[in-house]
PDB file of N, CA and C in Angstrom:
ATOM      1  N   MET A   1       1.242 -15.200  -9.264  1.00  0.00           N
ATOM      2  CA  MET A   1       0.410 -14.320  -9.867  1.00  0.00           C
ATOM      3  C   MET A   1       1.172 -13.873 -11.865  1.00  0.00           C
ATOM      4  N   GLY A   2       2.029 -13.979 -11.690  1.00  0.00           N
ATOM      5  CA  GLY A   2       2.680 -14.667 -12.373  1.00  0.00           C
ATOM      6  C   GLY A   2       1.331 -15.522 -13.413  1.00  0.00           C
ATOM      7  N   ILE A   3       1.829 -16.486 -13.587  1.00  0.00           N
ATOM      8  CA  ILE A   3       0.841 -17.489 -13.941  1.00  0.00           C
ATOM      9  C   ILE A   3      -0.677 -16.334 -13.863  1.00  0.00           C
ATOM     10  N   ILE A   4      -1.129 -16.013 -13.496  1.00  0.00           N
ATOM     11  CA  ILE A   4      -2.451 -15.873 -13.476  1.00  0.00           C
ATOM     12  C   ILE A   4      -2.824 -15.119 -14.470  1.00  0.00           C
ATOM     13  N   PHE A   5      -2.081 -13.919 -14.276  1.00  0.00           N
ATOM     14  CA  PHE A   5      -1.216 -12.728 -15.547  1.00  0.00           C
ATOM     15  C   PHE A   5      -0.684 -13.102 -16.522  1.00  0.00           C
ATOM     16  N   THR A   6       0.250 -14.109 -17.004  1.00  0.00           N
ATOM     17  CA  THR A   6       0.527 -15.349 -18.081  1.00  0.00           C
ATOM     18  C   THR A   6      -1.258 -15.237 -18.577  1.00  0.00           C
ATOM     19  N   PHE A   7      -1.566 -15.974 -17.710  1.00  0.00           N
ATOM     20  CA  PHE A   7      -3.435 -17.370 -18.264  1.00  0.00           C
ATOM     21  C   PHE A   7      -4.338 -15.862 -19.285  1.00  0.00           C
ATOM     22  N   LEU A   8      -4.145 -14.846 -18.179  1.00  0.00           N
ATOM     23  CA  LEU A   8      -5.296 -13.823 -19.174  1.00  0.00           C
ATOM     24  C   LEU A   8      -4.084 -12.982 -20.174  1.00  0.00           C
ATOM     25  N   LEU A   9      -3.515 -13.193 -19.843  1.00  0.00           N
ATOM     26  CA  LEU A   9      -2.401 -12.191 -21.480  1.00  0.00           C
ATOM     27  C   LEU A   9      -3.184 -13.224 -22.317  1.00  0.00           C
ATOM     28  N   ILE A  10      -2.611 -14.657 -22.099  1.00  0.00           N
ATOM     29  CA  ILE A  10      -2.645 -15.725 -23.567  1.00  0.00           C
ATOM     30  C   ILE A  10      -4.559 -15.960 -24.372  1.00  0.00           C
ATOM     31  N   ALA A  11      -4.975 -15.875 -23.174  1.00  0.00           N
ATOM     32  CA  ALA A  11      -6.748 -16.102 -23.264  1.00  0.00           C
ATOM     33  C   ALA A  11      -7.226 -15.182 -24.085  1.00  0.00           C
ATOM     34  N   SER A  12      -7.311 -13.914 -23.197  1.00  0.00           N
ATOM     35  CA  SER A  12      -7.649 -12.682 -24.000  1.00  0.00           C
ATOM     36  C   SER A  12      -7.012 -12.397 -26.004  1.00  0.00           C
ATOM     37  N   SER A  13      -5.727 -13.115 -25.647  1.00  0.00           N
ATOM     38  CA  SER A  13      -5.259 -12.631 -26.986  1.00  0.00           C
ATOM     39  C   SER A  13      -5.507 -13.547 -27.994  1.00  0.00           C
ATOM     40  N   VAL A  14      -5.753 -14.794 -27.987  1.00  0.00           N
ATOM     41  CA  VAL A  14      -6.287 -16.051 -28.346  1.00  0.00           C
ATOM     42  C   VAL A  14      -7.981 -15.660 -28.958  1.00  0.00           C
ATOM     43  N   PHE A  15      -8.698 -15.507 -27.559  1.00  0.00           N
ATOM     44  CA  PHE A  15     -10.182 -15.107 -28.183  1.00  0.00           C
ATOM     45  C   PHE A  15      -9.632 -13.782 -29.203  1.00  0.00           C
ATOM     46  N   ALA A  16      -9.519 -12.800 -28.614  1.00  0.00           N
ATOM     47  CA  ALA A  16      -8.566 -11.892 -29.907  1.00  0.00           C
ATOM     48  C   ALA A  16      -8.878 -12.050 -31.004  1.00  0.00           C
ATOM     49  N   LEU A  17      -7.874 -12.635 -31.260  1.00  0.00           N
ATOM     50  CA  LEU A  17      -7.468 -13.757 -32.696  1.00  0.00           C
ATOM     51  C   LEU A  17      -8.731 -14.261 -33.519  1.00  0.00           C
ATOM     52  N   PHE A  18      -8.965 -15.123 -32.652  1.00  0.00           N
ATOM     53  CA  PHE A  18     -10.697 -16.181 -32.792  1.00  0.00           C
ATOM     54  C   PHE A  18     -11.832 -15.157 -33.070  1.00  0.00           C
ATOM     55  N   TYR A  19     -12.020 -13.634 -33.168  1.00  0.00           N
ATOM     56  CA  TYR A  19     -12.364 -13.232 -33.459  1.00  0.00           C
ATOM     57  C   TYR A  19     -12.510 -12.089 -34.035  1.00  0.00           C
ATOM     58  N   MET A  20     -11.413 -12.556 -35.051  1.00  0.00           N
ATOM     59  CA  MET A  20     -10.866 -11.558 -36.229  1.00  0.00           C
ATOM     60  C   MET A  20     -11.558 -12.765 -37.134  1.00  0.00           C
ATOM     61  N   THR A  21     -11.426 -13.900 -37.210  1.00  0.00           N
ATOM     62  CA  THR A  21     -10.939 -14.664 -38.372  1.00  0.00           C
ATOM     63  C   THR A  21     -12.488 -15.027 -38.768  1.00  0.00           C
ATOM     64  N   ASN A  22     -12.447 -15.029 -39.721  1.00  0.00           N
ATOM     65  CA  ASN A  22     -14.274 -15.839 -40.077  1.00  0.00           C
ATOM     66  C   ASN A  22     -14.589 -17.341 -40.162  1.00  0.00           C
ATOM     67  N   VAL A  23     -13.299 -17.941 -40.034  1.00  0.00           N
ATOM     68  CA  VAL A  23     -13.311 -18.985 -39.020  1.00  0.00           C
ATOM     69  C   VAL A  23     -14.350 -19.441 -37.618  1.00  0.00           C
ATOM     70  N   ASN A  24     -15.216 -19.940 -37.496  1.00  0.00           N
ATOM     71  CA  ASN A  24     -15.324 -20.701 -36.041  1.00  0.00           C
ATOM     72  C   ASN A  24     -14.513 -21.747 -35.262  1.00  0.00           C
ATOM     73  N   GLU A  25     -13.818 -21.233 -34.658  1.00  0.00           N
ATOM     74  CA  GLU A  25     -12.251 -22.270 -34.185  1.00  0.00           C
ATOM     75  C   GLU A  25     -12.519 -23.121 -33.580  1.00  0.00           C
ATOM     76  N   TRP A  26     -13.760 -22.966 -32.090  1.00  0.00           N
ATOM     77  CA  TRP A  26     -14.026 -23.551 -31.376  1.00  0.00           C
ATOM     78  C   TRP A  26     -14.791 -25.100 -32.093  1.00  0.00           C
ATOM     79  N   ASP A  27     -16.092 -24.278 -33.217  1.00  0.00           N
ATOM     80  CA  ASP A  27     -16.532 -25.553 -33.529  1.00  0.00           C
ATOM     81  C   ASP A  27     -15.643 -25.860 -34.535  1.00  0.00           C
ATOM     82  N   GLU A  28     -14.775 -26.551 -35.140  1.00  0.00           N
ATOM     83  CA  GLU A  28     -13.918 -26.650 -35.713  1.00  0.00           C
ATOM     84  C   GLU A  28     -13.214 -27.881 -35.221  1.00  0.00           C
ATOM     85  N   ILE A  29     -12.824 -27.035 -33.686  1.00  0.00           N
ATOM     86  CA  ILE A  29     -12.089 -28.295 -33.247  1.00  0.00           C
ATOM     87  C   ILE A  29     -13.190 -29.192 -32.757  1.00  0.00           C
ATOM     88  N   LYS A  30     -14.494 -28.735 -31.891  1.00  0.00           N
ATOM     89  CA  LYS A  30     -15.254 -29.071 -32.192  1.00  0.00           C
ATOM     90  C   LYS A  30     -15.305 -30.811 -32.830  1.00  0.00           C
ATOM     91  N   ASN A  31     -15.326 -30.869 -33.865  1.00  0.00           N
ATOM     92  CA  ASN A  31     -15.278 -31.718 -34.956  1.00  0.00           C
ATOM     93  C   ASN A  31     -14.328 -32.334 -35.750  1.00  0.00           C
ATOM     94  N   ASN A  32     -13.455 -32.247 -34.343  1.00  0.00           N
ATOM     95  CA  ASN A  32     -11.702 -32.687 -34.897  1.00  0.00           C
ATOM     96  C   ASN A  32     -10.861 -32.560 -36.323  1.00  0.00           C
ATOM     97  N   ASN A  33     -11.005 -31.528 -36.637  1.00  0.00           N
ATOM     98  CA  ASN A  33      -9.751 -30.347 -37.102  1.00  0.00           C
ATOM     99  C   ASN A  33      -8.530 -30.292 -36.261  1.00  0.00           C
ATOM    100  N   ILE A  34      -8.186 -30.910 -36.816  1.00  0.00           N
ATOM    101  CA  ILE A  34      -6.370 -31.494 -36.665  1.00  0.00           C
ATOM    102  C   ILE A  34      -5.541 -29.806 -36.744  1.00  0.00           C
ATOM    103  N   VAL A  35      -5.904 -29.313 -38.200  1.00  0.00           N
ATOM    104  CA  VAL A  35      -5.794 -27.935 -39.098  1.00  0.00           C
ATOM    105  C   VAL A  35      -5.101 -27.175 -37.781  1.00  0.00           C
ATOM    106  N   ILE A  36      -7.035 -27.019 -37.760  1.00  0.00           N
ATOM    107  CA  ILE A  36      -6.827 -25.298 -36.619  1.00  0.00           C
ATOM    108  C   ILE A  36      -6.465 -25.194 -35.347  1.00  0.00           C
ATOM    109  N   ALA A  37      -6.386 -27.319 -34.981  1.00  0.00           N
ATOM    110  CA  ALA A  37      -5.908 -27.366 -33.541  1.00  0.00           C
ATOM    111  C   ALA A  37      -4.527 -26.981 -33.395  1.00  0.00           C
ATOM    112  N   LEU A  38      -3.823 -27.585 -34.156  1.00  0.00           N
ATOM    113  CA  LEU A  38      -2.146 -27.783 -34.217  1.00  0.00           C
ATOM    114  C   LEU A  38      -2.418 -25.571 -35.108  1.00  0.00           C
ATOM    115  N   ILE A  39      -2.824 -24.927 -35.476  1.00  0.00           N
ATOM    116  CA  ILE A  39      -2.587 -23.959 -35.498  1.00  0.00           C
ATOM    117  C   ILE A  39      -2.951 -23.367 -34.366  1.00  0.00           C
ATOM    118  N   SER A  40      -3.681 -23.112 -33.999  1.00  0.00           N
ATOM    119  CA  SER A  40      -4.058 -22.770 -32.203  1.00  0.00           C
ATOM    120  C   SER A  40      -3.332 -23.225 -31.299  1.00  0.00           C
ATOM    121  N   GLY A  41      -2.883 -23.857 -31.346  1.00  0.00           N
ATOM    122  CA  GLY A  41      -1.923 -24.802 -30.413  1.00  0.00           C
ATOM    123  C   GLY A  41      -0.520 -24.289 -30.494  1.00  0.00           C
ATOM    124  N   ALA A  42      -0.419 -23.640 -31.333  1.00  0.00           N
ATOM    125  CA  ALA A  42       1.172 -23.000 -32.072  1.00  0.00           C
ATOM    126  C   ALA A  42       0.770 -22.030 -31.973  1.00  0.00           C
ATOM    127  N   ILE A  43      -0.151 -21.215 -31.874  1.00  0.00           N
ATOM    128  CA  ILE A  43       0.074 -19.315 -31.571  1.00  0.00           C
ATOM    129  C   ILE A  43      -0.573 -19.178 -29.927  1.00  0.00           C
ATOM    130  N   ILE A  44      -0.956 -21.001 -29.014  1.00  0.00           N
ATOM    131  CA  ILE A  44      -0.724 -20.070 -27.638  1.00  0.00           C
ATOM    132  C   ILE A  44       1.078 -20.439 -27.127  1.00  0.00           C
ATOM    133  N   ILE A  45       1.859 -21.666 -27.748  1.00  0.00           N
ATOM    134  CA  ILE A  45       2.720 -21.888 -27.489  1.00  0.00           C
ATOM    135  C   ILE A  45       3.133 -20.535 -28.226  1.00  0.00           C
ATOM    136  N   GLY A  46       3.253 -20.063 -29.422  1.00  0.00           N
ATOM    137  CA  GLY A  46       3.941 -18.595 -29.882  1.00  0.00           C
ATOM    138  C   GLY A  46       4.641 -17.416 -28.693  1.00  0.00           C
ATOM    139  N   LEU A  47       2.893 -17.396 -28.319  1.00  0.00           N
ATOM    140  CA  LEU A  47       2.302 -16.299 -26.787  1.00  0.00           C
ATOM    141  C   LEU A  47       3.225 -16.342 -25.521  1.00  0.00           C
ATOM    142  N   SER A  48       3.268 -17.687 -25.342  1.00  0.00           N
ATOM    143  CA  SER A  48       3.957 -18.177 -24.044  1.00  0.00           C
ATOM    144  C   SER A  48       5.081 -17.857 -24.074  1.00  0.00           C
ATOM    145  N   VAL A  49       6.276 -18.589 -25.049  1.00  0.00           N
ATOM    146  CA  VAL A  49       6.927 -18.281 -25.318  1.00  0.00           C
ATOM    147  C   VAL A  49       7.982 -16.905 -25.310  1.00  0.00           C
ATOM    148  N   ILE A  50       7.234 -15.916 -25.601  1.00  0.00           N
ATOM    149  CA  ILE A  50       7.497 -14.540 -25.812  1.00  0.00           C
ATOM    150  C   ILE A  50       6.636 -13.585 -24.884  1.00  0.00           C
ATOM    151  N   MET A  51       5.751 -14.307 -24.224  1.00  0.00           N
ATOM    152  CA  MET A  51       5.992 -13.239 -22.908  1.00  0.00           C
ATOM    153  C   MET A  51       6.568 -14.182 -21.548  1.00  0.00           C
ATOM    154  N   ASP A  52       7.301 -14.808 -21.200  1.00  0.00           N
ATOM    155  CA  ASP A  52       7.628 -15.479 -20.311  1.00  0.00           C
ATOM    156  C   ASP A  52       8.976 -14.455 -19.717  1.00  0.00           C
ATOM    157  N   ASN A  53       9.839 -13.714 -20.704  1.00  0.00           N
ATOM    158  CA  ASN A  53      10.493 -12.820 -19.830  1.00  0.00           C
ATOM    159  C   ASN A  53      10.064 -11.534 -19.355  1.00  0.00           C
ATOM    160  N   TYR A  54       8.998 -11.274 -20.471  1.00  0.00           N
ATOM    161  CA  TYR A  54       7.998  -9.579 -19.657  1.00  0.00           C
ATOM    162  C   TYR A  54       7.293 -10.676 -18.261  1.00  0.00           C
ATOM    163  N   VAL A  55       6.473 -11.465 -18.158  1.00  0.00           N
ATOM    164  CA  VAL A  55       5.933 -11.636 -17.282  1.00  0.00           C
ATOM    165  C   VAL A  55       6.877 -11.310 -15.794  1.00  0.00           C
ATOM    166  N   GLY A  56       7.476 -12.326 -16.702  1.00  0.00           N
ATOM    167  CA  GLY A  56       9.167 -11.933 -15.472  1.00  0.00           C
ATOM    168  C   GLY A  56       9.739 -11.201 -15.237  1.00  0.00           C
ATOM    169  N   ASN A  57      10.393  -9.643 -15.474  1.00  0.00           N
ATOM    170  CA  ASN A  57      10.382  -8.936 -15.329  1.00  0.00           C
ATOM    171  C   ASN A  57       9.149  -8.139 -14.680  1.00  0.00           C
ATOM    172  N   LEU A  58       8.329  -7.943 -15.116  1.00  0.00           N
ATOM    173  CA  LEU A  58       6.475  -7.544 -14.463  1.00  0.00           C
ATOM    174  C   LEU A  58       6.704  -8.244 -13.220  1.00  0.00           C
ATOM    175  N   CYS A  59       7.002  -9.575 -12.799  1.00  0.00           N
ATOM    176  CA  CYS A  59       6.348  -9.880 -11.046  1.00  0.00           C
ATOM    177  C   CYS A  59       7.575  -9.456 -10.257  1.00  0.00           C
ATOM    178  N   GLU A  60       8.995  -9.513 -11.190  1.00  0.00           N
ATOM    179  CA  GLU A  60      10.416  -9.063  -9.729  1.00  0.00           C
ATOM    180  C   GLU A  60      10.140  -7.692 -10.123  1.00  0.00           C
ATOM    181  N   ALA A  61       9.200  -6.916 -10.979  1.00  0.00           N
ATOM    182  CA  ALA A  61       9.031  -5.182 -10.531  1.00  0.00           C
ATOM    183  C   ALA A  61       8.593  -5.065  -9.418  1.00  0.00           C
ATOM    184  N   ILE A  62       6.740  -6.063  -9.667  1.00  0.00           N
ATOM    185  CA  ILE A  62       6.766  -5.838  -8.386  1.00  0.00           C
ATOM    186  C   ILE A  62       6.465  -6.463  -6.247  1.00  0.00           C
ATOM    187  N   VAL A  63       7.095  -7.237  -6.967  1.00  0.00           N
ATOM    188  CA  VAL A  63       7.439  -7.425  -5.938  1.00  0.00           C
ATOM    189  C   VAL A  63       8.961  -7.433  -4.765  1.00  0.00           C
ATOM    190  N   PRO A  64       8.726  -6.599  -3.936  1.00  0.00           N
ATOM    191  CA  PRO A  64      10.214  -5.726  -3.060  1.00  0.00           C
ATOM    192  C   PRO A  64      10.871  -6.651  -2.295  1.00  0.00           C
ATOM    193  N   TYR A  65      11.864  -6.226  -2.616  1.00  0.00           N
ATOM    194  CA  TYR A  65      13.547  -6.485  -2.123  1.00  0.00           C
ATOM    195  C   TYR A  65      13.848  -6.300  -0.429  1.00  0.00           C
ATOM    196  N   PRO A  66      13.735  -6.485   0.184  1.00  0.00           N
ATOM    197  CA  PRO A  66      14.433  -6.105   1.198  1.00  0.00           C
ATOM    198  C   PRO A  66      16.292  -5.176   1.184  1.00  0.00           C
ATOM    199  N   GLU A  67      16.144  -4.294   1.597  1.00  0.00           N
ATOM    200  CA  GLU A  67      17.304  -2.886   1.120  1.00  0.00           C
ATOM    201  C   GLU A  67      18.814  -4.663   2.127  1.00  0.00           C
ATOM    202  N   VAL A  68      19.608  -4.731   1.002  1.00  0.00           N
ATOM    203  CA  VAL A  68      20.607  -4.365   1.962  1.00  0.00           C
ATOM    204  C   VAL A  68      21.751  -3.928   2.061  1.00  0.00           C
ATOM    205  N   PHE A  69      22.756  -4.006   3.703  1.00  0.00           N
ATOM    206  CA  PHE A  69      22.868  -2.819   4.075  1.00  0.00           C
ATOM    207  C   PHE A  69      25.160  -3.761   4.308  1.00  0.00           C
ATOM    208  N   ASN A  70      25.207  -2.789   3.256  1.00  0.00           N
ATOM    209  CA  ASN A  70      26.572  -3.003   3.032  1.00  0.00           C
ATOM    210  C   ASN A  70      27.184  -2.344   4.282  1.00  0.00           C
ATOM    211  N   VAL A  71      28.195  -3.007   4.692  1.00  0.00           N
ATOM    212  CA  VAL A  71      29.140  -3.166   5.421  1.00  0.00           C
ATOM    213  C   VAL A  71      30.882  -2.759   5.498  1.00  0.00           C
ATOM    214  N   HIS A  72      31.242  -1.418   5.266  1.00  0.00           N
ATOM    215  CA  HIS A  72      32.645  -1.078   4.716  1.00  0.00           C
ATOM    216  C   HIS A  72      33.787  -1.431   5.840  1.00  0.00           C
TER     217      HIS A  72
END
């Protein structure tokens, strides 16, 4: 579940960023423009590093843990 959520967040962020710029990144990457590919890769890696901890916390909040009985 965490992998799917991370993929959806990164994909939506990259598509939103590509939509806001005046350059068509997909065509530039197809034309072997290394600079655009490096910038896109750096954005994806940066978003992955930033969201790593937050998605982990989200998954821990969703997964129910059994109650542990305290023996005194």
